[in-house]
């Protein structure tokens, strides 16, 4: 049997990687080996970035709730403890939205929590 070379298939594979590194500088978008390393690293950063984004958003919600609570002289940790005691199942995302957009509703939630504490 004759030897089969994988020329076109290999070229397609290389072009796929080089297309992913379009916009990168120097040899990272020209040389396959450097481009492949860059794509692998790019994927690692994307993976960890998805986890980091969730953390950052949660930190933002907590900061917004805490800022809204300064008016009522109650700390965030005590507020969350009061929420649990009063059996209110409102997540941080919804609390942050209430604090930002519907302050009257947030005020009612704070009153219920203060009674529970």
C-alpha atoms as a PDB file:
ATOM      1  CA  UNK A   1       0.000   0.000   0.000  1.00  0.00           C
ATOM      2  CA  UNK A   2       1.192   3.505  -0.736  1.00  0.00           C
ATOM      3  CA  UNK A   3       2.011   5.913   2.061  1.00  0.00           C
ATOM      4  CA  UNK A   4      -0.716   8.440   2.782  1.00  0.00           C
ATOM      5  CA  UNK A   5       0.307  11.964   3.711  1.00  0.00           C
ATOM      6  CA  UNK A   6      -2.091  14.226   5.567  1.00  0.00           C
ATOM      7  CA  UNK A   7      -1.315  17.443   3.678  1.00  0.00           C
ATOM      8  CA  UNK A   8      -4.735  19.056   3.139  1.00  0.00           C
ATOM      9  CA  UNK A   9      -6.062  17.847   6.475  1.00  0.00           C
ATOM     10  CA  UNK A  10      -3.044  19.239   8.324  1.00  0.00           C
ATOM     11  CA  UNK A  11      -3.325  22.564   6.479  1.00  0.00           C
ATOM     12  CA  UNK A  12      -7.009  22.870   7.487  1.00  0.00           C
ATOM     13  CA  UNK A  13      -6.077  22.172  11.104  1.00  0.00           C
ATOM     14  CA  UNK A  14      -3.330  24.805  11.014  1.00  0.00           C
ATOM     15  CA  UNK A  15      -5.581  27.380   9.349  1.00  0.00           C
ATOM     16  CA  UNK A  16      -8.255  26.787  11.984  1.00  0.00           C
ATOM     17  CA  UNK A  17      -5.764  27.576  14.771  1.00  0.00           C
ATOM     18  CA  UNK A  18      -4.305  30.561  12.902  1.00  0.00           C
ATOM     19  CA  UNK A  19      -7.815  31.945  12.363  1.00  0.00           C
ATOM     20  CA  UNK A  20      -8.416  31.845  16.138  1.00  0.00           C
ATOM     21  CA  UNK A  21      -5.297  33.937  16.759  1.00  0.00           C
ATOM     22  CA  UNK A  22      -6.247  36.642  14.289  1.00  0.00           C
ATOM     23  CA  UNK A  23      -5.589  40.009  15.911  1.00  0.00           C
ATOM     24  CA  UNK A  24      -2.704  38.770  18.044  1.00  0.00           C
ATOM     25  CA  UNK A  25       0.709  40.329  17.609  1.00  0.00           C
ATOM     26  CA  UNK A  26       4.036  39.152  16.223  1.00  0.00           C
ATOM     27  CA  UNK A  27       4.577  35.419  15.700  1.00  0.00           C
ATOM     28  CA  UNK A  28       1.442  34.432  17.608  1.00  0.00           C
ATOM     29  CA  UNK A  29      -0.729  34.933  14.534  1.00  0.00           C
ATOM     30  CA  UNK A  30       1.799  33.711  11.961  1.00  0.00           C
ATOM     31  CA  UNK A  31       3.640  30.645  13.266  1.00  0.00           C
ATOM     32  CA  UNK A  32       1.553  27.571  14.011  1.00  0.00           C
ATOM     33  CA  UNK A  33       3.476  26.444  17.087  1.00  0.00           C
ATOM     34  CA  UNK A  34       3.267  29.858  18.778  1.00  0.00           C
ATOM     35  CA  UNK A  35      -0.350  30.256  17.677  1.00  0.00           C
ATOM     36  CA  UNK A  36      -1.265  26.852  19.111  1.00  0.00           C
ATOM     37  CA  UNK A  37       0.313  27.776  22.467  1.00  0.00           C
ATOM     38  CA  UNK A  38      -1.617  31.044  22.426  1.00  0.00           C
ATOM     39  CA  UNK A  39      -4.916  29.266  21.690  1.00  0.00           C
ATOM     40  CA  UNK A  40      -4.393  26.832  24.557  1.00  0.00           C
ATOM     41  CA  UNK A  41      -3.627  29.676  26.959  1.00  0.00           C
ATOM     42  CA  UNK A  42      -6.567  31.653  25.568  1.00  0.00           C
ATOM     43  CA  UNK A  43      -8.893  28.753  26.394  1.00  0.00           C
ATOM     44  CA  UNK A  44      -7.542  28.493  29.933  1.00  0.00           C
ATOM     45  CA  UNK A  45      -8.132  32.193  30.535  1.00  0.00           C
ATOM     46  CA  UNK A  46     -11.629  31.981  29.067  1.00  0.00           C
ATOM     47  CA  UNK A  47     -12.475  29.041  31.348  1.00  0.00           C
ATOM     48  CA  UNK A  48     -11.244  30.751  34.507  1.00  0.00           C
ATOM     49  CA  UNK A  49     -12.794  34.036  33.383  1.00  0.00           C
ATOM     50  CA  UNK A  50     -16.265  32.493  33.303  1.00  0.00           C
ATOM     51  CA  UNK A  51     -15.864  31.480  36.946  1.00  0.00           C
ATOM     52  CA  UNK A  52     -14.394  34.865  37.877  1.00  0.00           C
ATOM     53  CA  UNK A  53     -17.273  36.749  36.288  1.00  0.00           C
ATOM     54  CA  UNK A  54     -19.743  34.947  38.577  1.00  0.00           C
ATOM     55  CA  UNK A  55     -17.652  35.955  41.610  1.00  0.00           C
ATOM     56  CA  UNK A  56     -17.388  39.560  40.475  1.00  0.00           C
ATOM     57  CA  UNK A  57     -21.119  39.895  39.844  1.00  0.00           C
ATOM     58  CA  UNK A  58     -21.913  38.488  43.292  1.00  0.00           C
ATOM     59  CA  UNK A  59     -19.461  40.986  44.859  1.00  0.00           C
ATOM     60  CA  UNK A  60     -21.226  43.781  42.995  1.00  0.00           C
ATOM     61  CA  UNK A  61     -24.634  42.705  44.336  1.00  0.00           C
ATOM     62  CA  UNK A  62     -23.294  42.575  47.880  1.00  0.00           C
ATOM     63  CA  UNK A  63     -21.716  46.027  47.531  1.00  0.00           C
ATOM     64  CA  UNK A  64     -25.008  47.478  46.250  1.00  0.00           C
ATOM     65  CA  UNK A  65     -27.040  45.927  49.059  1.00  0.00           C
ATOM     66  CA  UNK A  66     -24.528  47.120  51.652  1.00  0.00           C
ATOM     67  CA  UNK A  67     -24.598  50.647  50.215  1.00  0.00           C
ATOM     68  CA  UNK A  68     -28.395  50.713  50.380  1.00  0.00           C
ATOM     69  CA  UNK A  69     -28.343  49.451  53.980  1.00  0.00           C
ATOM     70  CA  UNK A  70     -26.148  52.301  55.266  1.00  0.00           C
ATOM     71  CA  UNK A  71     -29.264  54.486  55.370  1.00  0.00           C
ATOM     72  CA  UNK A  72     -30.862  52.096  57.892  1.00  0.00           C
ATOM     73  CA  UNK A  73     -27.780  51.636  60.126  1.00  0.00           C
ATOM     74  CA  UNK A  74     -27.695  47.895  59.606  1.00  0.00           C
ATOM     75  CA  UNK A  75     -24.726  45.864  58.445  1.00  0.00           C
ATOM     76  CA  UNK A  76     -24.902  43.466  55.521  1.00  0.00           C
ATOM     77  CA  UNK A  77     -24.096  40.363  57.570  1.00  0.00           C
ATOM     78  CA  UNK A  78     -26.809  41.167  60.135  1.00  0.00           C
ATOM     79  CA  UNK A  79     -29.246  41.858  57.302  1.00  0.00           C
ATOM     80  CA  UNK A  80     -28.602  38.442  55.704  1.00  0.00           C
ATOM     81  CA  UNK A  81     -28.958  36.756  59.110  1.00  0.00           C
ATOM     82  CA  UNK A  82     -32.264  38.577  59.581  1.00  0.00           C
ATOM     83  CA  UNK A  83     -33.445  37.449  56.146  1.00  0.00           C
ATOM     84  CA  UNK A  84     -32.842  33.841  57.122  1.00  0.00           C
ATOM     85  CA  UNK A  85     -34.618  34.289  60.485  1.00  0.00           C
ATOM     86  CA  UNK A  86     -37.643  35.905  58.860  1.00  0.00           C
ATOM     87  CA  UNK A  87     -37.817  33.095  56.245  1.00  0.00           C
ATOM     88  CA  UNK A  88     -37.587  35.509  53.313  1.00  0.00           C
ATOM     89  CA  UNK A  89     -36.136  33.701  50.316  1.00  0.00           C
ATOM     90  CA  UNK A  90     -34.879  36.609  48.235  1.00  0.00           C
ATOM     91  CA  UNK A  91     -31.541  36.124  46.535  1.00  0.00           C
ATOM     92  CA  UNK A  92     -28.819  38.770  46.414  1.00  0.00           C
ATOM     93  CA  UNK A  93     -29.456  39.553  42.771  1.00  0.00           C
ATOM     94  CA  UNK A  94     -33.095  40.475  43.454  1.00  0.00           C
ATOM     95  CA  UNK A  95     -32.158  42.425  46.590  1.00  0.00           C
ATOM     96  CA  UNK A  96     -29.624  44.444  44.610  1.00  0.00           C
ATOM     97  CA  UNK A  97     -32.240  45.156  41.917  1.00  0.00           C
ATOM     98  CA  UNK A  98     -34.739  46.277  44.565  1.00  0.00           C
ATOM     99  CA  UNK A  99     -32.150  48.510  46.195  1.00  0.00           C
ATOM    100  CA  UNK A 100     -31.309  50.069  42.842  1.00  0.00           C
ATOM    101  CA  UNK A 101     -34.704  50.398  41.153  1.00  0.00           C
ATOM    102  CA  UNK A 102     -37.557  49.916  43.644  1.00  0.00           C
ATOM    103  CA  UNK A 103     -36.413  51.508  46.874  1.00  0.00           C
ATOM    104  CA  UNK A 104     -39.870  51.393  48.523  1.00  0.00           C
ATOM    105  CA  UNK A 105     -40.007  47.607  48.229  1.00  0.00           C
ATOM    106  CA  UNK A 106     -36.455  47.339  49.554  1.00  0.00           C
ATOM    107  CA  UNK A 107     -37.472  49.499  52.525  1.00  0.00           C
ATOM    108  CA  UNK A 108     -40.315  47.079  53.333  1.00  0.00           C
ATOM    109  CA  UNK A 109     -37.922  44.145  53.213  1.00  0.00           C
ATOM    110  CA  UNK A 110     -35.571  45.969  55.610  1.00  0.00           C
ATOM    111  CA  UNK A 111     -38.462  46.617  58.027  1.00  0.00           C
ATOM    112  CA  UNK A 112     -39.405  42.921  58.037  1.00  0.00           C
ATOM    113  CA  UNK A 113     -35.790  41.962  58.636  1.00  0.00           C
ATOM    114  CA  UNK A 114     -35.409  44.459  61.502  1.00  0.00           C
ATOM    115  CA  UNK A 115     -38.462  42.960  63.225  1.00  0.00           C
ATOM    116  CA  UNK A 116     -36.903  39.490  62.943  1.00  0.00           C
ATOM    117  CA  UNK A 117     -33.623  40.662  64.542  1.00  0.00           C
END
